Amino acid sequence: MTSIPLLIDLNEIPWEPFGRDTEGIFRKNLCHLTFPSGSRASLTLAKPGGLFPDHVDPYGHIFYILEGEGEAWIEGEPFPFRKGISLSVPAGKKHGYRNCGSEDLLLITINLY
């Protein structure tokens, strides 16, 4: 039987570029488990000026802001966010976000499959 780590020290995991035409966006997976729904969670870092451009996903998201400030948009409508804010993005809606502050933007991203 293969052992799956249930405890992860995120300080020991390097940031990986998010890809997908992003600028200044990095992530660390928060869990090695695969949930029956396929849902995933990651710690996401957006450097000052970092941009996750408009795109559409077939699954929803929840973004929870841990540090910093930024602006998201869903179907063109802006949503300013900062520490303590949670933002839900329904599946199939055009969305993106950017760090418009001078400090790092740190958030938990949950993809809801």
PDB file of N, CA and C in Angstrom:
ATOM      1  N   MET A   1       0.838  -1.182   0.000  1.00  0.00           N
ATOM      2  CA  MET A   1       0.000   0.000   0.000  1.00  0.00           C
ATOM      3  C   MET A   1       0.881   1.242   0.000  1.00  0.00           C
ATOM      4  N   THR A   2       0.599   2.175  -0.877  1.00  0.00           N
ATOM      5  CA  THR A   2       1.367   3.413  -0.975  1.00  0.00           C
ATOM      6  C   THR A   2       0.874   4.408   0.064  1.00  0.00           C
ATOM      7  N   SER A   3       1.818   5.040   0.729  1.00  0.00           N
ATOM      8  CA  SER A   3       1.469   6.029   1.739  1.00  0.00           C
ATOM      9  C   SER A   3       1.361   7.408   1.091  1.00  0.00           C
ATOM     10  N   ILE A   4       0.254   8.090   1.333  1.00  0.00           N
ATOM     11  CA  ILE A   4       0.041   9.449   0.824  1.00  0.00           C
ATOM     12  C   ILE A   4       0.236  10.412   1.988  1.00  0.00           C
ATOM     13  N   PRO A   5       1.108  11.392   1.835  1.00  0.00           N
ATOM     14  CA  PRO A   5       1.308  12.321   2.953  1.00  0.00           C
ATOM     15  C   PRO A   5       0.056  13.164   3.208  1.00  0.00           C
ATOM     16  N   LEU A   6      -0.380  13.167   4.458  1.00  0.00           N
ATOM     17  CA  LEU A   6      -1.544  13.958   4.828  1.00  0.00           C
ATOM     18  C   LEU A   6      -1.136  15.315   5.368  1.00  0.00           C
ATOM     19  N   LEU A   7       0.115  15.423   5.754  1.00  0.00           N
ATOM     20  CA  LEU A   7       0.644  16.667   6.297  1.00  0.00           C
ATOM     21  C   LEU A   7       1.704  17.173   5.325  1.00  0.00           C
ATOM     22  N   ILE A   8       1.575  18.396   4.902  1.00  0.00           N
ATOM     23  CA  ILE A   8       2.503  18.977   3.927  1.00  0.00           C
ATOM     24  C   ILE A   8       3.102  20.240   4.525  1.00  0.00           C
ATOM     25  N   ASP A   9       4.424  20.352   4.506  1.00  0.00           N
ATOM     26  CA  ASP A   9       5.094  21.579   4.930  1.00  0.00           C
ATOM     27  C   ASP A   9       5.306  22.431   3.681  1.00  0.00           C
ATOM     28  N   LEU A  10       4.465  23.437   3.502  1.00  0.00           N
ATOM     29  CA  LEU A  10       4.533  24.269   2.294  1.00  0.00           C
ATOM     30  C   LEU A  10       5.838  25.051   2.201  1.00  0.00           C
ATOM     31  N   ASN A  11       6.534  25.224   3.326  1.00  0.00           N
ATOM     32  CA  ASN A  11       7.829  25.905   3.299  1.00  0.00           C
ATOM     33  C   ASN A  11       8.878  25.081   2.560  1.00  0.00           C
ATOM     34  N   GLU A  12       8.642  23.779   2.433  1.00  0.00           N
ATOM     35  CA  GLU A  12       9.590  22.896   1.755  1.00  0.00           C
ATOM     36  C   GLU A  12       9.265  22.688   0.279  1.00  0.00           C
ATOM     37  N   ILE A  13       8.171  23.256  -0.177  1.00  0.00           N
ATOM     38  CA  ILE A  13       7.749  23.089  -1.571  1.00  0.00           C
ATOM     39  C   ILE A  13       8.021  24.388  -2.327  1.00  0.00           C
ATOM     40  N   PRO A  14       8.745  24.318  -3.440  1.00  0.00           N
ATOM     41  CA  PRO A  14       9.002  25.554  -4.199  1.00  0.00           C
ATOM     42  C   PRO A  14       7.745  26.034  -4.931  1.00  0.00           C
ATOM     43  N   TRP A  15       7.677  27.350  -5.157  1.00  0.00           N
ATOM     44  CA  TRP A  15       6.604  27.912  -5.969  1.00  0.00           C
ATOM     45  C   TRP A  15       6.800  27.457  -7.401  1.00  0.00           C
ATOM     46  N   GLU A  16       5.728  27.072  -8.061  1.00  0.00           N
ATOM     47  CA  GLU A  16       5.813  26.710  -9.477  1.00  0.00           C
ATOM     48  C   GLU A  16       5.017  27.724 -10.287  1.00  0.00           C
ATOM     49  N   PRO A  17       5.535  28.117 -11.449  1.00  0.00           N
ATOM     50  CA  PRO A  17       4.785  29.060 -12.291  1.00  0.00           C
ATOM     51  C   PRO A  17       3.427  28.459 -12.645  1.00  0.00           C
ATOM     52  N   PHE A  18       2.408  29.287 -12.636  1.00  0.00           N
ATOM     53  CA  PHE A  18       1.061  28.809 -12.912  1.00  0.00           C
ATOM     54  C   PHE A  18       0.897  28.418 -14.373  1.00  0.00           C
ATOM     55  N   GLY A  19       1.594  29.107 -15.265  1.00  0.00           N
ATOM     56  CA  GLY A  19       1.427  28.830 -16.696  1.00  0.00           C
ATOM     57  C   GLY A  19       0.189  29.513 -17.224  1.00  0.00           C
ATOM     58  N   ARG A  20      -0.371  28.966 -18.286  1.00  0.00           N
ATOM     59  CA  ARG A  20      -1.642  29.434 -18.858  1.00  0.00           C
ATOM     60  C   ARG A  20      -1.628  30.926 -19.194  1.00  0.00           C
ATOM     61  N   ASP A  21      -0.529  31.417 -19.737  1.00  0.00           N
ATOM     62  CA  ASP A  21      -0.394  32.817 -20.148  1.00  0.00           C
ATOM     63  C   ASP A  21      -0.479  33.802 -18.986  1.00  0.00           C
ATOM     64  N   THR A  22      -0.241  33.332 -17.774  1.00  0.00           N
ATOM     65  CA  THR A  22      -0.255  34.235 -16.631  1.00  0.00           C
ATOM     66  C   THR A  22       1.071  34.981 -16.549  1.00  0.00           C
ATOM     67  N   GLU A  23       1.053  36.093 -15.833  1.00  0.00           N
ATOM     68  CA  GLU A  23       2.264  36.884 -15.600  1.00  0.00           C
ATOM     69  C   GLU A  23       2.411  37.080 -14.101  1.00  0.00           C
ATOM     70  N   GLY A  24       3.498  36.561 -13.509  1.00  0.00           N
ATOM     71  CA  GLY A  24       3.757  36.772 -12.092  1.00  0.00           C
ATOM     72  C   GLY A  24       2.830  36.023 -11.161  1.00  0.00           C
ATOM     73  N   ILE A  25       2.277  34.859 -11.613  1.00  0.00           N
ATOM     74  CA  ILE A  25       1.374  34.046 -10.798  1.00  0.00           C
ATOM     75  C   ILE A  25       2.038  32.687 -10.558  1.00  0.00           C
ATOM     76  N   PHE A  26       2.074  32.265  -9.296  1.00  0.00           N
ATOM     77  CA  PHE A  26       2.726  31.016  -8.902  1.00  0.00           C
ATOM     78  C   PHE A  26       1.791  30.244  -7.971  1.00  0.00           C
ATOM     79  N   ARG A  27       2.067  28.919  -7.792  1.00  0.00           N
ATOM     80  CA  ARG A  27       1.204  28.121  -6.919  1.00  0.00           C
ATOM     81  C   ARG A  27       1.959  26.991  -6.245  1.00  0.00           C
ATOM     82  N   LYS A  28       1.318  26.492  -5.172  1.00  0.00           N
ATOM     83  CA  LYS A  28       1.737  25.295  -4.457  1.00  0.00           C
ATOM     84  C   LYS A  28       0.470  24.496  -4.185  1.00  0.00           C
ATOM     85  N   ASN A  29       0.485  23.206  -4.535  1.00  0.00           N
ATOM     86  CA  ASN A  29      -0.684  22.380  -4.250  1.00  0.00           C
ATOM     87  C   ASN A  29      -0.809  22.175  -2.748  1.00  0.00           C
ATOM     88  N   LEU A  30      -2.027  22.276  -2.239  1.00  0.00           N
ATOM     89  CA  LEU A  30      -2.266  22.135  -0.804  1.00  0.00           C
ATOM     90  C   LEU A  30      -2.534  20.703  -0.369  1.00  0.00           C
ATOM     91  N   CYS A  31      -2.738  19.797  -1.309  1.00  0.00           N
ATOM     92  CA  CYS A  31      -3.088  18.433  -0.943  1.00  0.00           C
ATOM     93  C   CYS A  31      -2.644  17.472  -2.039  1.00  0.00           C
ATOM     94  N   HIS A  32      -2.176  16.305  -1.623  1.00  0.00           N
ATOM     95  CA  HIS A  32      -1.790  15.265  -2.581  1.00  0.00           C
ATOM     96  C   HIS A  32      -2.923  14.283  -2.853  1.00  0.00           C
ATOM     97  N   LEU A  33      -4.030  14.435  -2.137  1.00  0.00           N
ATOM     98  CA  LEU A  33      -5.160  13.525  -2.309  1.00  0.00           C
ATOM     99  C   LEU A  33      -5.990  13.907  -3.521  1.00  0.00           C
ATOM    100  N   THR A  34      -6.599  12.922  -4.140  1.00  0.00           N
ATOM    101  CA  THR A  34      -7.570  13.179  -5.192  1.00  0.00           C
ATOM    102  C   THR A  34      -8.946  12.949  -4.586  1.00  0.00           C
ATOM    103  N   PHE A  35      -9.755  13.981  -4.567  1.00  0.00           N
ATOM    104  CA  PHE A  35     -11.091  13.867  -4.011  1.00  0.00           C
ATOM    105  C   PHE A  35     -12.030  13.288  -5.061  1.00  0.00           C
ATOM    106  N   PRO A  36     -13.077  12.571  -4.633  1.00  0.00           N
ATOM    107  CA  PRO A  36     -14.009  11.969  -5.600  1.00  0.00           C
ATOM    108  C   PRO A  36     -14.555  12.976  -6.609  1.00  0.00           C
ATOM    109  N   SER A  37     -14.762  14.212  -6.172  1.00  0.00           N
ATOM    110  CA  SER A  37     -15.296  15.230  -7.077  1.00  0.00           C
ATOM    111  C   SER A  37     -14.240  15.735  -8.045  1.00  0.00           C
ATOM    112  N   GLY A  38     -12.945  15.475  -7.737  1.00  0.00           N
ATOM    113  CA  GLY A  38     -11.859  16.006  -8.547  1.00  0.00           C
ATOM    114  C   GLY A  38     -11.418  17.390  -8.097  1.00  0.00           C
ATOM    115  N   SER A  39     -12.061  17.937  -7.066  1.00  0.00           N
ATOM    116  CA  SER A  39     -11.723  19.283  -6.583  1.00  0.00           C
ATOM    117  C   SER A  39     -10.270  19.352  -6.144  1.00  0.00           C
ATOM    118  N   ARG A  40      -9.678  20.529  -6.327  1.00  0.00           N
ATOM    119  CA  ARG A  40      -8.280  20.770  -5.974  1.00  0.00           C
ATOM    120  C   ARG A  40      -8.179  22.089  -5.239  1.00  0.00           C
ATOM    121  N   ALA A  41      -7.162  22.205  -4.409  1.00  0.00           N
ATOM    122  CA  ALA A  41      -6.908  23.458  -3.706  1.00  0.00           C
ATOM    123  C   ALA A  41      -5.429  23.784  -3.825  1.00  0.00           C
ATOM    124  N   SER A  42      -5.132  25.046  -3.988  1.00  0.00           N
ATOM    125  CA  SER A  42      -3.731  25.468  -4.061  1.00  0.00           C
ATOM    126  C   SER A  42      -3.558  26.811  -3.365  1.00  0.00           C
ATOM    127  N   LEU A  43      -2.346  27.038  -2.917  1.00  0.00           N
ATOM    128  CA  LEU A  43      -1.938  28.336  -2.409  1.00  0.00           C
ATOM    129  C   LEU A  43      -1.413  29.078  -3.619  1.00  0.00           C
ATOM    130  N   THR A  44      -1.934  30.253  -3.877  1.00  0.00           N
ATOM    131  CA  THR A  44      -1.573  31.005  -5.081  1.00  0.00           C
ATOM    132  C   THR A  44      -0.931  32.322  -4.683  1.00  0.00           C
ATOM    133  N   LEU A  45       0.137  32.670  -5.382  1.00  0.00           N
ATOM    134  CA  LEU A  45       0.889  33.898  -5.150  1.00  0.00           C
ATOM    135  C   LEU A  45       0.857  34.732  -6.421  1.00  0.00           C
ATOM    136  N   ALA A  46       0.412  35.975  -6.293  1.00  0.00           N
ATOM    137  CA  ALA A  46       0.453  36.919  -7.408  1.00  0.00           C
ATOM    138  C   ALA A  46       1.388  38.050  -6.992  1.00  0.00           C
ATOM    139  N   LYS A  47       2.490  38.188  -7.690  1.00  0.00           N
ATOM    140  CA  LYS A  47       3.438  39.261  -7.411  1.00  0.00           C
ATOM    141  C   LYS A  47       2.795  40.603  -7.798  1.00  0.00           C
ATOM    142  N   PRO A  48       3.296  41.727  -7.253  1.00  0.00           N
ATOM    143  CA  PRO A  48       2.752  43.031  -7.661  1.00  0.00           C
ATOM    144  C   PRO A  48       2.732  43.149  -9.191  1.00  0.00           C
ATOM    145  N   GLY A  49       1.592  43.524  -9.728  1.00  0.00           N
ATOM    146  CA  GLY A  49       1.421  43.603 -11.176  1.00  0.00           C
ATOM    147  C   GLY A  49       1.065  42.271 -11.810  1.00  0.00           C
ATOM    148  N   GLY A  50       1.057  41.178 -11.025  1.00  0.00           N
ATOM    149  CA  GLY A  50       0.736  39.857 -11.554  1.00  0.00           C
ATOM    150  C   GLY A  50      -0.663  39.814 -12.145  1.00  0.00           C
ATOM    151  N   LEU A  51      -0.803  39.076 -13.236  1.00  0.00           N
ATOM    152  CA  LEU A  51      -2.067  39.040 -13.978  1.00  0.00           C
ATOM    153  C   LEU A  51      -2.440  37.618 -14.350  1.00  0.00           C
ATOM    154  N   PHE A  52      -3.677  37.240 -14.040  1.00  0.00           N
ATOM    155  CA  PHE A  52      -4.266  35.998 -14.527  1.00  0.00           C
ATOM    156  C   PHE A  52      -5.326  36.452 -15.518  1.00  0.00           C
ATOM    157  N   PRO A  53      -5.032  36.394 -16.828  1.00  0.00           N
ATOM    158  CA  PRO A  53      -5.926  36.996 -17.827  1.00  0.00           C
ATOM    159  C   PRO A  53      -7.281  36.307 -17.944  1.00  0.00           C
ATOM    160  N   ASP A  54      -8.212  37.014 -18.581  1.00  0.00           N
ATOM    161  CA  ASP A  54      -9.558  36.490 -18.836  1.00  0.00           C
ATOM    162  C   ASP A  54      -9.486  35.084 -19.425  1.00  0.00           C
ATOM    163  N   HIS A  55     -10.350  34.227 -18.896  1.00  0.00           N
ATOM    164  CA  HIS A  55     -10.482  32.876 -19.429  1.00  0.00           C
ATOM    165  C   HIS A  55     -11.803  32.292 -18.930  1.00  0.00           C
ATOM    166  N   VAL A  56     -12.182  31.163 -19.477  1.00  0.00           N
ATOM    167  CA  VAL A  56     -13.407  30.467 -19.078  1.00  0.00           C
ATOM    168  C   VAL A  56     -13.025  29.036 -18.722  1.00  0.00           C
ATOM    169  N   ASP A  57     -13.509  28.552 -17.580  1.00  0.00           N
ATOM    170  CA  ASP A  57     -13.270  27.176 -17.154  1.00  0.00           C
ATOM    171  C   ASP A  57     -14.601  26.441 -17.052  1.00  0.00           C
ATOM    172  N   PRO A  58     -14.588  25.119 -17.277  1.00  0.00           N
ATOM    173  CA  PRO A  58     -15.823  24.347 -17.141  1.00  0.00           C
ATOM    174  C   PRO A  58     -16.147  23.998 -15.690  1.00  0.00           C
ATOM    175  N   TYR A  59     -15.395  24.532 -14.761  1.00  0.00           N
ATOM    176  CA  TYR A  59     -15.590  24.291 -13.327  1.00  0.00           C
ATOM    177  C   TYR A  59     -15.566  25.631 -12.596  1.00  0.00           C
ATOM    178  N   GLY A  60     -16.103  25.648 -11.384  1.00  0.00           N
ATOM    179  CA  GLY A  60     -16.150  26.871 -10.592  1.00  0.00           C
ATOM    180  C   GLY A  60     -14.908  27.035  -9.727  1.00  0.00           C
ATOM    181  N   HIS A  61     -14.802  28.200  -9.105  1.00  0.00           N
ATOM    182  CA  HIS A  61     -13.682  28.510  -8.214  1.00  0.00           C
ATOM    183  C   HIS A  61     -14.194  29.188  -6.956  1.00  0.00           C
ATOM    184  N   ILE A  62     -13.422  29.030  -5.900  1.00  0.00           N
ATOM    185  CA  ILE A  62     -13.542  29.883  -4.726  1.00  0.00           C
ATOM    186  C   ILE A  62     -12.148  30.447  -4.491  1.00  0.00           C
ATOM    187  N   PHE A  63     -12.046  31.755  -4.371  1.00  0.00           N
ATOM    188  CA  PHE A  63     -10.789  32.425  -4.037  1.00  0.00           C
ATOM    189  C   PHE A  63     -10.942  33.011  -2.642  1.00  0.00           C
ATOM    190  N   TYR A  64      -9.997  32.711  -1.753  1.00  0.00           N
ATOM    191  CA  TYR A  64     -10.004  33.311  -0.423  1.00  0.00           C
ATOM    192  C   TYR A  64      -8.695  34.068  -0.247  1.00  0.00           C
ATOM    193  N   ILE A  65      -8.780  35.373   0.000  1.00  0.00           N
ATOM    194  CA  ILE A  65      -7.603  36.230   0.055  1.00  0.00           C
ATOM    195  C   ILE A  65      -6.991  36.197   1.457  1.00  0.00           C
ATOM    196  N   LEU A  66      -5.729  35.791   1.526  1.00  0.00           N
ATOM    197  CA  LEU A  66      -4.994  35.719   2.791  1.00  0.00           C
ATOM    198  C   LEU A  66      -4.204  36.991   3.071  1.00  0.00           C
ATOM    199  N   GLU A  67      -3.607  37.566   2.038  1.00  0.00           N
ATOM    200  CA  GLU A  67      -2.780  38.776   2.163  1.00  0.00           C
ATOM    201  C   GLU A  67      -2.867  39.573   0.870  1.00  0.00           C
ATOM    202  N   GLY A  68      -2.713  40.884   0.986  1.00  0.00           N
ATOM    203  CA  GLY A  68      -2.644  41.751  -0.179  1.00  0.00           C
ATOM    204  C   GLY A  68      -3.996  42.215  -0.674  1.00  0.00           C
ATOM    205  N   GLU A  69      -3.963  42.780  -1.877  1.00  0.00           N
ATOM    206  CA  GLU A  69      -5.189  43.296  -2.487  1.00  0.00           C
ATOM    207  C   GLU A  69      -5.102  43.155  -3.994  1.00  0.00           C
ATOM    208  N   GLY A  70      -6.251  43.098  -4.608  1.00  0.00           N
ATOM    209  CA  GLY A  70      -6.282  42.962  -6.051  1.00  0.00           C
ATOM    210  C   GLY A  70      -7.669  43.244  -6.578  1.00  0.00           C
ATOM    211  N   GLU A  71      -7.846  42.893  -7.828  1.00  0.00           N
ATOM    212  CA  GLU A  71      -9.145  43.065  -8.469  1.00  0.00           C
ATOM    213  C   GLU A  71      -9.398  41.852  -9.341  1.00  0.00           C
ATOM    214  N   ALA A  72     -10.588  41.289  -9.183  1.00  0.00           N
ATOM    215  CA  ALA A  72     -11.034  40.210 -10.059  1.00  0.00           C
ATOM    216  C   ALA A  72     -12.147  40.759 -10.929  1.00  0.00           C
ATOM    217  N   TRP A  73     -12.446  40.046 -11.980  1.00  0.00           N
ATOM    218  CA  TRP A  73     -13.586  40.421 -12.801  1.00  0.00           C
ATOM    219  C   TRP A  73     -14.248  39.128 -13.264  1.00  0.00           C
ATOM    220  N   ILE A  74     -15.572  39.182 -13.278  1.00  0.00           N
ATOM    221  CA  ILE A  74     -16.383  38.063 -13.754  1.00  0.00           C
ATOM    222  C   ILE A  74     -17.340  38.622 -14.788  1.00  0.00           C
ATOM    223  N   GLU A  75     -17.237  38.103 -16.013  1.00  0.00           N
ATOM    224  CA  GLU A  75     -18.057  38.602 -17.120  1.00  0.00           C
ATOM    225  C   GLU A  75     -17.948  40.122 -17.237  1.00  0.00           C
ATOM    226  N   GLY A  76     -16.727  40.648 -17.014  1.00  0.00           N
ATOM    227  CA  GLY A  76     -16.459  42.074 -17.175  1.00  0.00           C
ATOM    228  C   GLY A  76     -16.781  42.931 -15.964  1.00  0.00           C
ATOM    229  N   GLU A  77     -17.472  42.386 -14.964  1.00  0.00           N
ATOM    230  CA  GLU A  77     -17.815  43.161 -13.765  1.00  0.00           C
ATOM    231  C   GLU A  77     -16.662  43.084 -12.761  1.00  0.00           C
ATOM    232  N   PRO A  78     -16.150  44.244 -12.315  1.00  0.00           N
ATOM    233  CA  PRO A  78     -15.007  44.241 -11.388  1.00  0.00           C
ATOM    234  C   PRO A  78     -15.425  43.929  -9.949  1.00  0.00           C
ATOM    235  N   PHE A  79     -14.545  43.212  -9.261  1.00  0.00           N
ATOM    236  CA  PHE A  79     -14.733  42.880  -7.853  1.00  0.00           C
ATOM    237  C   PHE A  79     -13.417  43.134  -7.128  1.00  0.00           C
ATOM    238  N   PRO A  80     -13.271  44.286  -6.447  1.00  0.00           N
ATOM    239  CA  PRO A  80     -12.055  44.521  -5.674  1.00  0.00           C
ATOM    240  C   PRO A  80     -12.015  43.534  -4.507  1.00  0.00           C
ATOM    241  N   PHE A  81     -10.807  43.015  -4.204  1.00  0.00           N
ATOM    242  CA  PHE A  81     -10.706  42.138  -3.048  1.00  0.00           C
ATOM    243  C   PHE A  81      -9.454  42.425  -2.248  1.00  0.00           C
ATOM    244  N   ARG A  82      -9.499  42.009  -0.976  1.00  0.00           N
ATOM    245  CA  ARG A  82      -8.399  42.218  -0.033  1.00  0.00           C
ATOM    246  C   ARG A  82      -8.453  41.102   1.009  1.00  0.00           C
ATOM    247  N   LYS A  83      -7.518  41.121   1.923  1.00  0.00           N
ATOM    248  CA  LYS A  83      -7.431  40.119   2.975  1.00  0.00           C
ATOM    249  C   LYS A  83      -8.797  39.900   3.633  1.00  0.00           C
ATOM    250  N   GLY A  84      -9.178  38.609   3.762  1.00  0.00           N
ATOM    251  CA  GLY A  84     -10.432  38.255   4.421  1.00  0.00           C
ATOM    252  C   GLY A  84     -11.626  38.114   3.498  1.00  0.00           C
ATOM    253  N   ILE A  85     -11.468  38.441   2.213  1.00  0.00           N
ATOM    254  CA  ILE A  85     -12.568  38.367   1.243  1.00  0.00           C
ATOM    255  C   ILE A  85     -12.563  36.996   0.562  1.00  0.00           C
ATOM    256  N   SER A  86     -13.753  36.463   0.344  1.00  0.00           N
ATOM    257  CA  SER A  86     -13.929  35.235  -0.420  1.00  0.00           C
ATOM    258  C   SER A  86     -14.743  35.582  -1.665  1.00  0.00           C
ATOM    259  N   LEU A  87     -14.328  35.072  -2.802  1.00  0.00           N
ATOM    260  CA  LEU A  87     -15.011  35.341  -4.068  1.00  0.00           C
ATOM    261  C   LEU A  87     -15.311  34.014  -4.752  1.00  0.00           C
ATOM    262  N   SER A  88     -16.552  33.813  -5.157  1.00  0.00           N
ATOM    263  CA  SER A  88     -16.957  32.604  -5.882  1.00  0.00           C
ATOM    264  C   SER A  88     -17.136  32.932  -7.352  1.00  0.00           C
ATOM    265  N   VAL A  89     -16.613  32.056  -8.208  1.00  0.00           N
ATOM    266  CA  VAL A  89     -16.750  32.219  -9.658  1.00  0.00           C
ATOM    267  C   VAL A  89     -17.498  30.996 -10.193  1.00  0.00           C
ATOM    268  N   PRO A  90     -18.687  31.187 -10.737  1.00  0.00           N
ATOM    269  CA  PRO A  90     -19.434  30.048 -11.283  1.00  0.00           C
ATOM    270  C   PRO A  90     -18.754  29.450 -12.513  1.00  0.00           C
ATOM    271  N   ALA A  91     -18.965  28.161 -12.710  1.00  0.00           N
ATOM    272  CA  ALA A  91     -18.437  27.470 -13.892  1.00  0.00           C
ATOM    273  C   ALA A  91     -18.966  28.132 -15.160  1.00  0.00           C
ATOM    274  N   GLY A  92     -18.105  28.204 -16.175  1.00  0.00           N
ATOM    275  CA  GLY A  92     -18.515  28.730 -17.469  1.00  0.00           C
ATOM    276  C   GLY A  92     -18.536  30.236 -17.596  1.00  0.00           C
ATOM    277  N   LYS A  93     -18.150  30.960 -16.550  1.00  0.00           N
ATOM    278  CA  LYS A  93     -18.136  32.427 -16.597  1.00  0.00           C
ATOM    279  C   LYS A  93     -16.726  32.927 -16.895  1.00  0.00           C
ATOM    280  N   LYS A  94     -16.623  33.914 -17.777  1.00  0.00           N
ATOM    281  CA  LYS A  94     -15.338  34.522 -18.118  1.00  0.00           C
ATOM    282  C   LYS A  94     -14.833  35.303 -16.909  1.00  0.00           C
ATOM    283  N   HIS A  95     -13.581  35.065 -16.520  1.00  0.00           N
ATOM    284  CA  HIS A  95     -13.045  35.693 -15.321  1.00  0.00           C
ATOM    285  C   HIS A  95     -11.521  35.811 -15.386  1.00  0.00           C
ATOM    286  N   GLY A  96     -10.976  36.604 -14.484  1.00  0.00           N
ATOM    287  CA  GLY A  96      -9.538  36.775 -14.343  1.00  0.00           C
ATOM    288  C   GLY A  96      -9.292  37.644 -13.121  1.00  0.00           C
ATOM    289  N   TYR A  97      -8.031  37.871 -12.801  1.00  0.00           N
ATOM    290  CA  TYR A  97      -7.709  38.762 -11.681  1.00  0.00           C
ATOM    291  C   TYR A  97      -6.297  39.295 -11.819  1.00  0.00           C
ATOM    292  N   ARG A  98      -6.009  40.316 -11.010  1.00  0.00           N
ATOM    293  CA  ARG A  98      -4.673  40.896 -11.003  1.00  0.00           C
ATOM    294  C   ARG A  98      -4.354  41.434  -9.612  1.00  0.00           C
ATOM    295  N   ASN A  99      -3.074  41.493  -9.332  1.00  0.00           N
ATOM    296  CA  ASN A  99      -2.593  42.128  -8.110  1.00  0.00           C
ATOM    297  C   ASN A  99      -2.359  43.584  -8.456  1.00  0.00           C
ATOM    298  N   CYS A 100      -3.173  44.458  -7.915  1.00  0.00           N
ATOM    299  CA  CYS A 100      -3.010  45.884  -8.199  1.00  0.00           C
ATOM    300  C   CYS A 100      -2.400  46.621  -7.012  1.00  0.00           C
ATOM    301  N   GLY A 101      -1.878  45.860  -6.044  1.00  0.00           N
ATOM    302  CA  GLY A 101      -1.225  46.458  -4.883  1.00  0.00           C
ATOM    303  C   GLY A 101       0.286  46.456  -5.038  1.00  0.00           C
ATOM    304  N   SER A 102       0.967  46.952  -4.014  1.00  0.00           N
ATOM    305  CA  SER A 102       2.427  47.014  -4.039  1.00  0.00           C
ATOM    306  C   SER A 102       3.073  45.846  -3.290  1.00  0.00           C
ATOM    307  N   GLU A 103       2.255  44.998  -2.660  1.00  0.00           N
ATOM    308  CA  GLU A 103       2.732  43.819  -1.924  1.00  0.00           C
ATOM    309  C   GLU A 103       2.247  42.561  -2.637  1.00  0.00           C
ATOM    310  N   ASP A 104       2.817  41.413  -2.245  1.00  0.00           N
ATOM    311  CA  ASP A 104       2.351  40.143  -2.793  1.00  0.00           C
ATOM    312  C   ASP A 104       0.886  39.916  -2.439  1.00  0.00           C
ATOM    313  N   LEU A 105       0.162  39.297  -3.346  1.00  0.00           N
ATOM    314  CA  LEU A 105      -1.216  38.872  -3.132  1.00  0.00           C
ATOM    315  C   LEU A 105      -1.167  37.363  -2.912  1.00  0.00           C
ATOM    316  N   LEU A 106      -1.659  36.905  -1.778  1.00  0.00           N
ATOM    317  CA  LEU A 106      -1.630  35.488  -1.430  1.00  0.00           C
ATOM    318  C   LEU A 106      -3.061  35.018  -1.229  1.00  0.00           C
ATOM    319  N   LEU A 107      -3.444  33.938  -1.916  1.00  0.00           N
ATOM    320  CA  LEU A 107      -4.801  33.471  -1.814  1.00  0.00           C
ATOM    321  C   LEU A 107      -4.872  31.956  -1.892  1.00  0.00           C
ATOM    322  N   ILE A 108      -5.930  31.426  -1.360  1.00  0.00           N
ATOM    323  CA  ILE A 108      -6.238  30.013  -1.536  1.00  0.00           C
ATOM    324  C   ILE A 108      -7.203  29.917  -2.710  1.00  0.00           C
ATOM    325  N   THR A 109      -6.876  29.061  -3.656  1.00  0.00           N
ATOM    326  CA  THR A 109      -7.717  28.831  -4.824  1.00  0.00           C
ATOM    327  C   THR A 109      -8.279  27.420  -4.743  1.00  0.00           C
ATOM    328  N   ILE A 110      -9.597  27.305  -4.780  1.00  0.00           N
ATOM    329  CA  ILE A 110     -10.245  25.996  -4.783  1.00  0.00           C
ATOM    330  C   ILE A 110     -10.971  25.853  -6.108  1.00  0.00           C
ATOM    331  N   ASN A 111     -10.619  24.808  -6.846  1.00  0.00           N
ATOM    332  CA  ASN A 111     -11.292  24.497  -8.114  1.00  0.00           C
ATOM    333  C   ASN A 111     -12.368  23.462  -7.824  1.00  0.00           C
ATOM    334  N   LEU A 112     -13.588  23.773  -8.190  1.00  0.00           N
ATOM    335  CA  LEU A 112     -14.746  22.917  -7.898  1.00  0.00           C
ATOM    336  C   LEU A 112     -15.192  22.184  -9.153  1.00  0.00           C
ATOM    337  N   TYR A 113     -14.803  20.943  -9.270  1.00  0.00           N
ATOM    338  CA  TYR A 113     -15.150  20.127 -10.436  1.00  0.00           C
ATOM    339  C   TYR A 113     -16.477  19.444 -10.234  1.00  0.00           C
TER     340      TYR A 113
END
